[in-house]
Structures are given as C-alpha cells and as structure tokens.
Amino acid sequence: MVQVDAVEQTGQEGAGRRDDGSGIWRAGVRRAIRIGSRPGPWKRGLVLAASALLLGLLMLLHAEIPNRIGGFGSLVETCLPWFGLFIPVLLAGALWRRSASAVVALLLPVVAWLNLFGGLLMDKSESGSDLTVVSHNVGADNPDPAGTARDLAAAGADVLALEEITPQAKPLYEKALAEAYPHHTVQGTVGLWSKLPLSDTRPVDIEMDYGPLADTKPVDVKMAYNRALRTTVATDQGPLAVYVAHLGSVRVLPRNGFWTDSRDRGAQALAKAIAAEHNERVVLLGDLNGTMDDRAFAGITSRLRSAQDAAGDGFGFSWPAKFPVARIDQILVRGVEPESSWLLPATGSDHRPVAAGISW
C-alpha cells in the first residue's frame, strides 16, 4: 500500500508539473497575442494627432474662418495667441499615450504659433528716442481721475492721449495736467495733452452706433458723440499728425455672438481718415477695442504699423488691468521709427497705459 501510494503521489506531482508547464505556455501565448494586437506608436493617439493638426490649421488659416456667423473669425483672431496653450496640453497627452504620430503632428501648431508670435518673445527695444507718446483709456468709472493724471504726468511723455473722458472728470484732468502739458485739446470723450504746440485740430467722425449695447453705456459717455480727433504736433523735425480714437465696444452676446458692428464701422471710418492724411508722419493712439490680428483692422494695419510689434518686449497685453489678456490699446505709426514700446503701471482704470518711444 505504501508503495502504491508513493507511486500515485509521484504521478500526481508529475501531472501537476505538466499542467504547470502547459499553463505557463498558454499564458505566454495569450500575452504575445495581446502585445501583437496592440497598435504601434504610429497608430496610437490618432485623436490627439488629428487635434494637433486642426489646431495648426486653425492658426495658419485663421483669416479664412468666416465672420458671417456670430463674428467667429474675429473672435478667434482676438484670442489667437492663447491657442498656443493647447500645445503643451496635447504634448502631455501624446507622451502619456506614447504616440509618435501625435508628437510629429504637433510640429504644425508649434511652427504656426512661432511664425505668428515668436517675434514678440524677443526684446526689440532700442535706447533713445526723439519723442515719447502715451495712450490711456482712463475709464469712465475711474474713482481717482486726479491721481491717474498725476501718475501719467510723472511718466514724462511728450504727448499724452486720453480716452473715455467724462464731463465730470474733464476739469480734473485739465487741472492736474496743466503744468506738465501747456497745450491740450479735448473733443468729446478723447483728448490730447502735449508739451509741444498743437494746430489744425478737429474731430474725426467714426460713425458710432452702440446697437444692442446702447443700454449698457454710461449716460455721460453716450452724451458725448465725438470719440476721435486729429491734430498736428509741431516738433523740431517737422509736423507730426496725431490721431486719438476710442472705437466702439465689443461683446459676446447670446443673440449676436461676437458683436463688433460699431467697432468695425469705426475702424473703417478711421482707416479712410488715415488714408486721406497728407502728412507723411502719423501716429495713432487709442483704445481700438481689438487686437491687430483682427481682420477688422486691415484698413489701418495696411497703412500703419504697431509700435509694440516693431519695438516691444512681449505681448504688451493692456486689458483688463488686473489680469491683462489682450492688447486692445494701441500705438500705431507711419513715417517714424518705433524705438521702444512698454506698459505703464496700472491706474484707477480697467486699462493699462501703453507707451512708445519714436524717432525720425
């Protein structure tokens, strides 16, 4: 009996070993099948790769996006620099999925973004200039107009443009700036203060229409129709035509989408005025309520160039003051050379002041 039991036990152990061997073999086969059925690095993350390609095409072909439905094209162009934030997100996803196709596809949006905005990452400013100009939307709701005026005067600009001047705040600005700027003009809600003489001053009709925003504008702003002016600054190098403008507001509205009608009409009227300007040297200062990537300003940017793009350091976002996300306050020039462009410290306004040094 003992011998039989031993033989049976030995047989069972041998069968168990045989079973263990076949089980390992079957597990290995299943694992090999799973590995073989997995997509390779070029087939993984195809959704990420497609998203990267779409992002790159959107940035490359933004001018082709139609504007007829809800102003979508202008909205994309206003936010265009921020589309670069999707690149590291997609890159993280591509690395997590180990997707070679997604990584390669990301080259398109990277190249597109650098082509559009890479130049803004470099400091292009030069020391020295013949004239310093500043533009600031001082804000109709500014709680301290006199303090804002003192801060601006301390900046030492030769020419200072203010937008959104209310009738109540106008005497405060005039009093606070009188000593530093002996020459000034105010036309409606915009004004220019200068250390140099002014002449040939007149309002510029920019065809304001508040449309669906009529009920949202302060009464004192709506009462003053003029929101643009043109004047000549007498410099040692000759006359300089200076325009100050505050174009219409834009909003994202449920029924209208990205509503820019008033601003766009103002931009067209301002472009016509600049096109008719005979002076070779021109500076445009103001709150244009839009970035220069927006197609609405093509008539202006075809005749003037941005001081920030030519001589700035960074994007120069000016609005809103607490956390700027867009540069809607502009300094544009023709016939003079931008040497530097920068932002001034925040005031009581919801905009940051913008400044530039120009030379002949």
Protein backbone atom coordinates (compact mmCIF):
# COMPACT_ATOMS: atom_id res chain seq x y z
CA MET A 1 0.00 0.00 0.00
CA VAL A 2 2.78 2.36 0.84
CA GLN A 3 4.45 1.72 -2.48
CA VAL A 4 1.22 2.24 -4.41
CA ASP A 5 0.51 5.47 -2.59
CA ALA A 6 4.01 6.67 -3.34
CA VAL A 7 3.59 5.82 -6.99
CA GLU A 8 0.25 7.61 -7.17
CA GLN A 9 1.67 10.67 -5.39
CA THR A 10 4.60 10.75 -7.77
CA GLY A 11 2.24 10.52 -10.72
CA GLN A 12 0.10 13.34 -9.44
CA GLU A 13 3.12 15.55 -8.89
CA GLY A 14 4.31 14.82 -12.42
CA ALA A 15 0.88 15.65 -13.82
CA GLY A 16 0.86 18.86 -11.80
CA ARG A 17 4.23 19.78 -13.20
CA ARG A 18 3.00 19.04 -16.71
CA ASP A 19 -0.10 21.17 -16.04
CA ASP A 20 2.05 24.00 -14.72
CA GLY A 21 4.17 23.90 -17.84
CA SER A 22 1.22 23.97 -20.20
CA GLY A 23 -0.39 26.81 -18.20
CA ILE A 24 2.73 28.91 -18.47
CA TRP A 25 2.87 28.18 -22.19
CA ARG A 26 -0.75 29.21 -22.69
CA ALA A 27 -0.23 32.42 -20.65
CA GLY A 28 2.78 33.26 -22.79
CA VAL A 29 0.81 32.73 -25.97
CA ARG A 30 -2.02 34.97 -24.73
CA ARG A 31 0.47 37.69 -23.75
CA ALA A 32 2.16 37.51 -27.14
CA ILE A 33 -1.23 37.81 -28.85
CA ARG A 34 -2.10 40.86 -26.74
CA ILE A 35 1.23 42.52 -27.48
CA GLY A 36 0.89 41.75 -31.16
CA SER A 37 -2.61 43.17 -31.28
CA ARG A 38 -1.64 46.47 -29.63
CA PRO A 39 -1.30 49.43 -32.04
CA GLY A 40 2.21 50.64 -32.64
CA PRO A 41 3.44 54.12 -31.69
CA TRP A 42 2.35 55.48 -35.08
CA LYS A 43 -1.18 54.13 -34.67
CA ARG A 44 -1.69 55.22 -31.06
CA GLY A 45 -3.17 58.63 -30.20
CA LEU A 46 -4.74 59.29 -33.58
CA VAL A 47 -7.34 61.58 -31.97
CA LEU A 48 -4.52 63.61 -30.40
CA ALA A 49 -2.74 63.76 -33.75
CA ALA A 50 -5.90 64.96 -35.50
CA SER A 51 -6.46 67.59 -32.79
CA ALA A 52 -2.89 68.87 -33.24
CA LEU A 53 -3.35 69.15 -36.99
CA LEU A 54 -6.65 71.01 -36.58
CA LEU A 55 -5.03 73.41 -34.11
CA GLY A 56 -2.20 74.13 -36.53
CA LEU A 57 -4.56 74.65 -39.45
CA LEU A 58 -6.72 76.97 -37.38
CA MET A 59 -3.73 79.20 -36.62
CA LEU A 60 -2.38 79.07 -40.17
CA LEU A 61 -5.75 79.70 -41.85
CA HIS A 62 -7.40 81.96 -39.28
CA ALA A 63 -8.04 84.60 -41.94
CA GLU A 64 -10.19 82.10 -43.83
CA ILE A 65 -12.55 81.46 -40.91
CA PRO A 66 -15.90 83.04 -41.89
CA ASN A 67 -17.08 86.02 -39.91
CA ARG A 68 -20.68 85.97 -41.07
CA ILE A 69 -21.99 83.80 -38.25
CA GLY A 70 -21.53 85.45 -34.86
CA GLY A 71 -18.26 87.13 -35.79
CA PHE A 72 -16.47 83.84 -35.15
CA GLY A 73 -13.45 84.75 -37.29
CA SER A 74 -12.77 87.95 -35.34
CA LEU A 75 -13.28 86.14 -32.04
CA VAL A 76 -10.67 83.53 -32.98
CA GLU A 77 -8.22 86.22 -34.10
CA THR A 78 -8.73 88.16 -30.87
CA CYS A 79 -7.80 85.06 -28.83
CA LEU A 80 -5.20 83.78 -31.29
CA PRO A 81 -2.08 84.00 -29.03
CA TRP A 82 -3.84 81.93 -26.37
CA PHE A 83 -4.32 78.97 -28.70
CA GLY A 84 -0.67 78.22 -28.01
CA LEU A 85 -1.70 76.93 -24.57
CA PHE A 86 -3.21 73.87 -26.23
CA ILE A 87 0.22 72.79 -27.47
CA PRO A 88 1.68 71.65 -24.09
CA VAL A 89 -1.65 70.01 -23.23
CA LEU A 90 -1.58 67.97 -26.44
CA LEU A 91 2.11 67.21 -25.93
CA ALA A 92 1.42 65.82 -22.46
CA GLY A 93 -1.32 63.63 -23.91
CA ALA A 94 0.96 62.43 -26.71
CA LEU A 95 3.72 61.46 -24.26
CA TRP A 96 1.25 59.69 -21.99
CA ARG A 97 -0.12 57.70 -24.92
CA ARG A 98 3.41 57.21 -26.33
CA SER A 99 2.08 58.37 -29.66
CA ALA A 100 4.72 59.15 -32.26
CA SER A 101 2.07 60.36 -34.71
CA ALA A 102 0.72 62.93 -32.23
CA VAL A 103 4.21 64.22 -31.42
CA VAL A 104 5.00 64.70 -35.11
CA ALA A 105 1.61 66.32 -35.77
CA LEU A 106 2.33 68.87 -33.02
CA LEU A 107 5.11 70.31 -35.19
CA LEU A 108 2.45 72.07 -37.28
CA PRO A 109 0.87 74.17 -34.47
CA VAL A 110 4.30 74.87 -32.96
CA VAL A 111 5.63 76.25 -36.26
CA ALA A 112 2.39 78.16 -36.89
CA TRP A 113 2.41 79.79 -33.45
CA LEU A 114 6.08 80.72 -33.63
CA ASN A 115 5.54 82.18 -37.10
CA LEU A 116 2.72 84.37 -35.77
CA PHE A 117 4.05 85.35 -32.36
CA GLY A 118 7.61 84.17 -31.98
CA GLY A 119 8.94 87.65 -32.71
CA LEU A 120 7.06 89.03 -29.69
CA LEU A 121 9.10 86.84 -27.35
CA MET A 122 12.24 88.88 -28.06
CA ASP A 123 13.04 92.30 -26.66
CA LYS A 124 13.30 94.56 -29.71
CA SER A 125 13.52 97.88 -27.87
CA GLU A 126 16.36 100.32 -28.50
CA SER A 127 17.58 103.06 -26.22
CA GLY A 128 16.95 106.67 -27.11
CA SER A 129 14.09 108.33 -28.96
CA ASP A 130 13.04 111.76 -30.18
CA LEU A 131 9.52 111.67 -28.78
CA THR A 132 7.67 109.64 -26.14
CA VAL A 133 3.94 109.07 -26.57
CA VAL A 134 1.45 107.53 -24.14
CA SER A 135 -2.14 106.42 -24.60
CA HIS A 136 -4.55 105.54 -21.81
CA ASN A 137 -8.23 104.73 -21.55
CA VAL A 138 -8.73 106.40 -18.19
CA GLY A 139 -12.11 104.74 -17.62
CA ALA A 140 -15.47 106.42 -17.13
CA ASP A 141 -15.76 104.74 -13.71
CA ASN A 142 -12.27 105.74 -12.58
CA PRO A 143 -12.57 106.57 -8.86
CA ASP A 144 -9.50 108.83 -8.85
CA PRO A 145 -9.09 110.82 -12.09
CA ALA A 146 -6.74 113.35 -10.49
CA GLY A 147 -4.48 110.56 -9.19
CA THR A 148 -4.46 108.92 -12.61
CA ALA A 149 -3.49 112.23 -14.21
CA ARG A 150 -0.62 112.71 -11.74
CA ASP A 151 0.67 109.19 -12.43
CA LEU A 152 0.58 109.80 -16.17
CA ALA A 153 2.31 113.17 -15.87
CA ALA A 154 5.07 111.53 -13.83
CA ALA A 155 5.78 109.22 -16.77
CA GLY A 156 7.22 112.22 -18.61
CA ALA A 157 5.66 111.59 -22.02
CA ASP A 158 5.87 114.38 -24.60
CA VAL A 159 2.42 113.57 -25.97
CA LEU A 160 -0.35 112.05 -23.86
CA ALA A 161 -3.66 110.76 -25.26
CA LEU A 162 -6.64 110.01 -23.01
CA GLU A 163 -9.81 108.16 -23.91
CA GLU A 164 -13.18 107.84 -22.15
CA ILE A 165 -13.04 111.27 -20.53
CA THR A 166 -16.34 112.06 -18.82
CA PRO A 167 -17.66 115.63 -18.50
CA GLN A 168 -17.28 115.35 -14.72
CA ALA A 169 -13.66 114.20 -14.88
CA LYS A 170 -12.56 116.55 -17.66
CA PRO A 171 -11.74 119.57 -15.41
CA LEU A 172 -9.81 117.28 -13.05
CA TYR A 173 -7.58 116.03 -15.87
CA GLU A 174 -7.11 119.54 -17.22
CA LYS A 175 -6.08 120.89 -13.82
CA ALA A 176 -3.75 118.02 -12.93
CA LEU A 177 -2.01 118.04 -16.33
CA ALA A 178 -1.86 121.80 -16.93
CA GLU A 179 1.64 122.33 -15.53
CA ALA A 180 3.32 119.47 -17.41
CA TYR A 181 1.38 119.99 -20.65
CA PRO A 182 0.75 123.57 -21.71
CA HIS A 183 -1.08 122.50 -24.89
CA HIS A 184 -4.15 120.31 -24.97
CA THR A 185 -7.41 119.64 -26.76
CA VAL A 186 -10.49 117.61 -25.80
CA GLN A 187 -13.02 116.52 -28.41
CA GLY A 188 -15.95 114.69 -26.84
CA THR A 189 -14.55 111.80 -24.78
CA VAL A 190 -10.99 111.86 -26.18
CA GLY A 191 -8.21 114.34 -25.57
CA LEU A 192 -4.55 115.05 -26.26
CA TRP A 193 -2.08 116.77 -23.94
CA SER A 194 1.25 117.92 -25.38
CA LYS A 195 4.45 119.66 -24.37
CA LEU A 196 4.67 120.89 -27.96
CA PRO A 197 2.26 123.25 -29.77
CA LEU A 198 -0.85 121.86 -31.43
CA SER A 199 -2.62 123.08 -34.54
CA ASP A 200 -5.21 122.04 -37.13
CA THR A 201 -7.23 120.20 -34.51
CA ARG A 202 -10.57 118.70 -35.48
CA PRO A 203 -12.88 115.83 -34.56
CA VAL A 204 -12.93 112.67 -36.69
CA ASP A 205 -16.31 111.13 -37.38
CA ILE A 206 -16.04 107.41 -36.69
CA GLU A 207 -19.77 106.70 -37.07
CA MET A 208 -20.55 105.43 -33.59
CA ASP A 209 -23.52 103.12 -33.11
CA TYR A 210 -23.97 101.33 -29.81
CA GLY A 211 -26.55 98.88 -31.21
CA PRO A 212 -27.55 96.25 -28.64
CA LEU A 213 -25.10 97.83 -26.15
CA ALA A 214 -26.95 101.16 -26.04
CA ASP A 215 -28.45 100.46 -22.64
CA THR A 216 -25.13 99.34 -21.13
CA LYS A 217 -23.14 102.53 -21.73
CA PRO A 218 -22.88 105.24 -19.07
CA VAL A 219 -25.10 108.23 -19.82
CA ASP A 220 -22.21 110.69 -19.73
CA VAL A 221 -20.32 108.62 -22.31
CA LYS A 222 -23.32 108.33 -24.63
CA MET A 223 -23.93 112.09 -24.47
CA ALA A 224 -20.51 112.90 -25.93
CA TYR A 225 -20.61 111.73 -29.54
CA ASN A 226 -17.04 112.58 -30.57
CA ARG A 227 -14.69 109.69 -29.87
CA ALA A 228 -11.84 110.54 -32.23
CA LEU A 229 -9.72 113.57 -33.10
CA ARG A 230 -6.89 114.61 -35.35
CA THR A 231 -4.29 117.27 -34.58
CA THR A 232 -0.80 118.35 -35.65
CA VAL A 233 2.06 118.39 -33.16
CA ALA A 234 4.84 120.85 -34.01
CA THR A 235 8.22 119.16 -33.46
CA ASP A 236 11.77 120.30 -34.19
CA GLN A 237 11.83 117.78 -37.04
CA GLY A 238 8.59 118.98 -38.58
CA PRO A 239 4.85 118.42 -38.19
CA LEU A 240 3.51 115.15 -36.81
CA ALA A 241 -0.11 114.19 -37.43
CA VAL A 242 -1.59 112.56 -34.32
CA TYR A 243 -4.91 110.74 -34.20
CA VAL A 244 -6.64 109.77 -30.96
CA ALA A 245 -9.51 107.30 -31.15
CA HIS A 246 -11.77 105.23 -28.95
CA LEU A 247 -13.62 102.74 -31.11
CA GLY A 248 -16.88 101.05 -30.17
CA SER A 249 -17.10 98.27 -27.63
CA VAL A 250 -17.34 94.58 -28.46
CA ARG A 251 -19.29 91.93 -26.60
CA VAL A 252 -20.09 88.24 -26.73
CA LEU A 253 -23.90 88.27 -26.75
CA PRO A 254 -26.34 85.32 -26.81
CA ARG A 255 -28.18 86.52 -29.92
CA ASN A 256 -25.38 88.34 -31.73
CA GLY A 257 -22.35 86.18 -30.96
CA PHE A 258 -19.16 88.26 -31.02
CA TRP A 259 -20.79 91.65 -31.64
CA THR A 260 -18.32 94.07 -33.26
CA ASP A 261 -20.52 96.09 -35.65
CA SER A 262 -19.92 99.50 -34.09
CA ARG A 263 -16.19 98.94 -33.70
CA ASP A 264 -15.82 97.66 -37.24
CA ARG A 265 -17.60 100.68 -38.73
CA GLY A 266 -15.40 102.96 -36.65
CA ALA A 267 -12.28 101.13 -37.82
CA GLN A 268 -13.32 101.59 -41.45
CA ALA A 269 -14.00 105.30 -40.95
CA LEU A 270 -10.69 105.76 -39.16
CA ALA A 271 -8.86 103.91 -41.94
CA LYS A 272 -10.39 106.28 -44.50
CA ALA A 273 -9.29 109.31 -42.49
CA ILE A 274 -5.73 107.99 -42.25
CA ALA A 275 -5.69 107.12 -45.95
CA ALA A 276 -6.58 110.74 -46.72
CA GLU A 277 -3.88 112.12 -44.38
CA HIS A 278 -1.28 114.13 -46.34
CA ASN A 279 1.31 114.30 -43.59
CA GLU A 280 3.96 111.63 -44.06
CA ARG A 281 4.46 111.24 -40.30
CA VAL A 282 1.44 109.85 -38.49
CA VAL A 283 0.82 108.41 -35.03
CA LEU A 284 -2.45 106.78 -33.98
CA LEU A 285 -3.09 106.49 -30.26
CA GLY A 286 -6.14 104.97 -28.67
CA ASP A 287 -8.34 102.22 -27.35
CA LEU A 288 -9.33 100.39 -30.52
CA ASN A 289 -11.17 97.61 -28.68
CA GLY A 290 -9.41 94.94 -30.68
CA THR A 291 -6.07 93.32 -31.37
CA MET A 292 -4.15 93.97 -34.55
CA ASP A 293 -4.57 90.32 -35.54
CA ASP A 294 -8.28 91.01 -36.11
CA ARG A 295 -9.20 91.34 -39.79
CA ALA A 296 -11.40 94.32 -38.92
CA PHE A 297 -8.26 96.49 -38.73
CA ALA A 298 -6.82 95.52 -42.09
CA GLY A 299 -7.50 99.01 -43.47
CA ILE A 300 -5.47 100.52 -40.62
CA THR A 301 -2.64 97.99 -40.39
CA SER A 302 -2.07 98.22 -44.15
CA ARG A 303 -1.09 101.88 -43.63
CA LEU A 304 0.34 101.93 -40.10
CA ARG A 305 2.47 99.53 -38.13
CA SER A 306 2.29 98.61 -34.46
CA ALA A 307 4.97 100.05 -32.20
CA GLN A 308 4.58 97.02 -29.94
CA ASP A 309 5.22 94.58 -32.76
CA ALA A 310 8.19 96.58 -34.03
CA ALA A 311 9.89 97.55 -30.77
CA GLY A 312 8.17 95.88 -27.85
CA ASP A 313 9.11 93.21 -25.35
CA GLY A 314 6.39 90.58 -25.02
CA PHE A 315 2.74 90.76 -25.95
CA GLY A 316 2.00 94.04 -24.16
CA PHE A 317 -1.48 92.97 -23.03
CA SER A 318 -3.29 96.04 -21.69
CA TRP A 319 -6.79 94.87 -20.73
CA PRO A 320 -8.19 94.17 -18.21
CA ALA A 321 -5.74 95.90 -15.91
CA LYS A 322 -5.84 93.31 -13.11
CA PHE A 323 -5.11 90.37 -15.41
CA PRO A 324 -4.45 91.56 -18.98
CA VAL A 325 -5.37 89.05 -21.67
CA ALA A 326 -5.38 91.22 -24.81
CA ARG A 327 -3.72 94.34 -26.18
CA ILE A 328 -6.64 96.49 -27.27
CA ASP A 329 -4.86 99.80 -26.55
CA GLN A 330 -2.66 100.61 -29.50
CA ILE A 331 0.13 102.86 -30.71
CA LEU A 332 0.49 102.71 -34.50
CA VAL A 333 2.88 104.76 -36.62
CA ARG A 334 3.84 105.75 -40.13
CA GLY A 335 6.87 107.75 -41.28
CA VAL A 336 8.61 107.49 -37.89
CA GLU A 337 10.62 104.69 -36.32
CA PRO A 338 9.45 102.95 -33.14
CA GLU A 339 12.42 102.54 -30.81
CA SER A 340 10.68 101.04 -27.79
CA SER A 341 7.23 100.10 -26.51
CA TRP A 342 6.12 99.26 -22.98
CA LEU A 343 3.29 99.25 -20.45
CA LEU A 344 2.97 101.75 -17.62
CA PRO A 345 1.80 100.77 -14.11
CA ALA A 346 -1.94 100.33 -13.58
CA THR A 347 -4.03 103.32 -12.53
CA GLY A 348 -7.64 103.56 -11.36
CA SER A 349 -8.78 102.49 -14.83
CA ASP A 350 -9.59 98.99 -16.06
CA HIS A 351 -6.95 99.50 -18.80
CA ARG A 352 -3.18 99.72 -18.54
CA PRO A 353 -1.48 102.76 -20.14
CA VAL A 354 0.67 101.98 -23.19
CA ALA A 355 3.80 103.94 -24.17
CA ALA A 356 6.27 104.11 -27.02
CA GLY A 357 9.42 105.97 -27.92
CA ILE A 358 9.68 107.07 -31.55
CA SER A 359 12.42 108.69 -33.60
CA TRP A 360 12.65 110.25 -37.02
